[in-house]
Amino acid sequence: MKRLLVLCSVLLAGPAQAGQEWELISVTRGPAWEVNEAKGTLKQNGKILEGVLKDRTDSKADYQIRIVLNGERAEATFRFISENDKGTKLTGIYKKAANPTKAHCPEQIQLMNSFQYIGLARDRCAP
C-alpha cells in the first residue's frame, strides 16, 4: 500500500520544469547604440521558453522574454519591464549542440528585427 501511495504521488506531481540559466545580450539602435547584458533563468514548457532576466549593471532593469521554438526557428516577444513597454517581436534561429555531454550542452538563440538584436546562450547543463 505504501508503494502505491508513493507511486501515485510521483505521477500526480508531474514532470519538474526546472529553469536553465541563460545569458542575454541586447543591441538596440535608437538615437544611439545601446548594449545591455542580462542573466537569469528561463523555463521551458514544450516549445515555449520564457522568463525574466536581470540586467548585469542596472539592478532595476528586468527583461521579460517569451520564445517559441520550432525546430531551428525561433520567434520571440521581448520587453523591458522597467520601461513598461508592450514588447517587441523578433525572429531568428535556435541551435543546440549536436553531441552534448553531461557537463557541456551549449544552446544559442539569435533573434532580430529592424532595430534590435538579441543573443541568448547557455553552456551548462541542468543539475
Protein backbone atom coordinates (compact mmCIF):
# COMPACT_ATOMS: atom_id res chain seq x y z
CA MET A 1 0.00 0.00 0.00
CA LYS A 2 2.84 2.39 0.89
CA ARG A 3 4.50 1.79 -2.51
CA LEU A 4 1.23 2.54 -4.30
CA LEU A 5 0.87 5.82 -2.40
CA VAL A 6 4.41 6.88 -3.32
CA LEU A 7 3.85 5.95 -6.97
CA CYS A 8 0.58 7.94 -7.10
CA SER A 9 2.29 10.95 -5.50
CA VAL A 10 5.04 10.88 -8.14
CA LEU A 11 2.56 10.53 -11.01
CA LEU A 12 0.35 13.35 -9.74
CA ALA A 13 3.27 15.71 -9.27
CA GLY A 14 4.09 15.59 -12.99
CA PRO A 15 7.42 16.43 -14.59
CA ALA A 16 9.59 19.05 -12.91
CA GLN A 17 10.15 22.08 -15.11
CA ALA A 18 13.36 23.41 -13.62
CA GLY A 19 14.69 26.51 -15.31
CA GLN A 20 18.02 26.83 -17.08
CA GLU A 21 20.49 29.67 -16.56
CA TRP A 22 20.79 31.81 -19.72
CA GLU A 23 22.85 34.87 -20.63
CA LEU A 24 21.49 37.60 -22.89
CA ILE A 25 22.94 40.47 -24.87
CA SER A 26 20.71 43.05 -26.49
CA VAL A 27 21.90 45.62 -29.03
CA THR A 28 19.39 48.32 -29.90
CA ARG A 29 19.65 51.16 -32.41
CA GLY A 30 17.77 54.32 -31.49
CA PRO A 31 19.26 57.81 -31.32
CA ALA A 32 22.42 55.98 -30.20
CA TRP A 33 23.57 52.37 -29.89
CA GLU A 34 22.57 50.74 -26.62
CA VAL A 35 24.02 47.47 -25.37
CA ASN A 36 22.52 45.59 -22.40
CA GLU A 37 23.60 42.33 -20.80
CA ALA A 38 21.43 40.20 -18.55
CA LYS A 39 21.36 36.82 -16.89
CA GLY A 40 18.61 34.69 -15.47
CA THR A 41 16.53 31.56 -15.52
CA LEU A 42 14.32 30.62 -18.45
CA LYS A 43 11.86 27.76 -18.05
CA GLN A 44 10.91 25.52 -20.93
CA ASN A 45 7.47 24.04 -21.36
CA GLY A 46 7.23 22.19 -24.65
CA LYS A 47 8.20 24.60 -27.42
CA ILE A 48 7.91 27.66 -25.13
CA LEU A 49 10.97 29.10 -23.36
CA GLU A 50 10.24 32.06 -21.10
CA GLY A 51 11.30 34.03 -18.07
CA VAL A 52 12.69 37.26 -16.68
CA LEU A 53 16.37 38.15 -16.83
CA LYS A 54 18.15 40.71 -14.63
CA ASP A 55 20.42 43.39 -16.11
CA ARG A 56 24.05 42.92 -15.06
CA THR A 57 24.72 46.59 -14.29
CA ASP A 58 21.32 48.14 -13.55
CA SER A 59 19.62 46.31 -10.68
CA LYS A 60 16.29 47.98 -11.52
CA ALA A 61 16.20 46.73 -15.12
CA ASP A 62 14.43 43.45 -15.88
CA TYR A 63 13.83 41.93 -19.29
CA GLN A 64 10.96 39.57 -19.99
CA ILE A 65 11.24 37.20 -22.91
CA ARG A 66 8.97 34.54 -24.35
CA ILE A 67 10.37 32.41 -27.13
CA VAL A 68 8.54 29.88 -29.28
CA LEU A 69 10.95 27.27 -30.65
CA ASN A 70 10.08 25.45 -33.85
CA GLY A 71 12.95 23.24 -34.93
CA GLU A 72 15.81 25.62 -35.72
CA ARG A 73 13.49 28.64 -35.93
CA ALA A 74 12.62 30.94 -33.04
CA GLU A 75 10.02 33.69 -32.59
CA ALA A 76 10.07 35.89 -29.51
CA THR A 77 8.42 38.73 -27.67
CA PHE A 78 10.91 40.80 -25.68
CA ARG A 79 10.09 43.64 -23.32
CA PHE A 80 11.83 45.97 -20.93
CA ILE A 81 9.77 45.60 -17.76
CA SER A 82 11.30 48.71 -16.16
CA GLU A 83 10.17 50.82 -19.14
CA ASN A 84 6.67 49.28 -19.02
CA ASP A 85 6.64 48.71 -22.78
CA LYS A 86 4.35 46.30 -24.59
CA GLY A 87 7.22 44.34 -26.06
CA THR A 88 8.66 43.86 -29.49
CA LYS A 89 8.57 40.86 -31.82
CA LEU A 90 11.79 39.27 -33.08
CA THR A 91 12.55 36.21 -35.20
CA GLY A 92 15.66 34.16 -35.66
CA ILE A 93 17.39 30.84 -35.17
CA TYR A 94 17.88 28.26 -32.45
CA LYS A 95 20.96 26.00 -32.29
CA LYS A 96 21.73 23.18 -29.89
CA ALA A 97 24.98 21.21 -29.73
CA ALA A 98 24.87 18.09 -31.90
CA ASN A 99 26.75 15.96 -29.35
CA PRO A 100 26.12 17.34 -25.86
CA THR A 101 27.83 15.79 -22.85
CA LYS A 102 26.64 15.66 -19.24
CA ALA A 103 28.56 18.84 -18.42
CA HIS A 104 28.61 20.67 -21.77
CA CYS A 105 25.35 21.20 -23.67
CA PRO A 106 25.50 24.61 -25.36
CA GLU A 107 22.45 26.25 -26.86
CA GLN A 108 22.17 29.56 -28.71
CA ILE A 109 19.27 31.69 -29.82
CA GLN A 110 19.85 34.62 -32.20
CA LEU A 111 16.92 37.00 -32.68
CA MET A 112 16.49 40.26 -34.54
CA ASN A 113 14.13 42.76 -36.07
CA SER A 114 14.71 46.07 -37.86
CA PHE A 115 16.19 47.86 -34.82
CA GLN A 116 17.24 45.23 -32.26
CA TYR A 117 19.48 42.17 -31.98
CA ILE A 118 19.23 39.71 -29.08
CA GLY A 119 21.59 36.83 -28.46
CA LEU A 120 20.91 34.23 -25.78
CA ALA A 121 23.27 31.45 -24.79
CA ARG A 122 23.72 28.77 -22.20
CA ASP A 123 26.56 26.33 -21.83
CA ARG A 124 25.98 24.40 -18.62
CA CYS A 125 23.54 21.55 -18.30
CA ALA A 126 20.90 21.36 -15.63
CA PRO A 127 21.99 19.60 -12.43
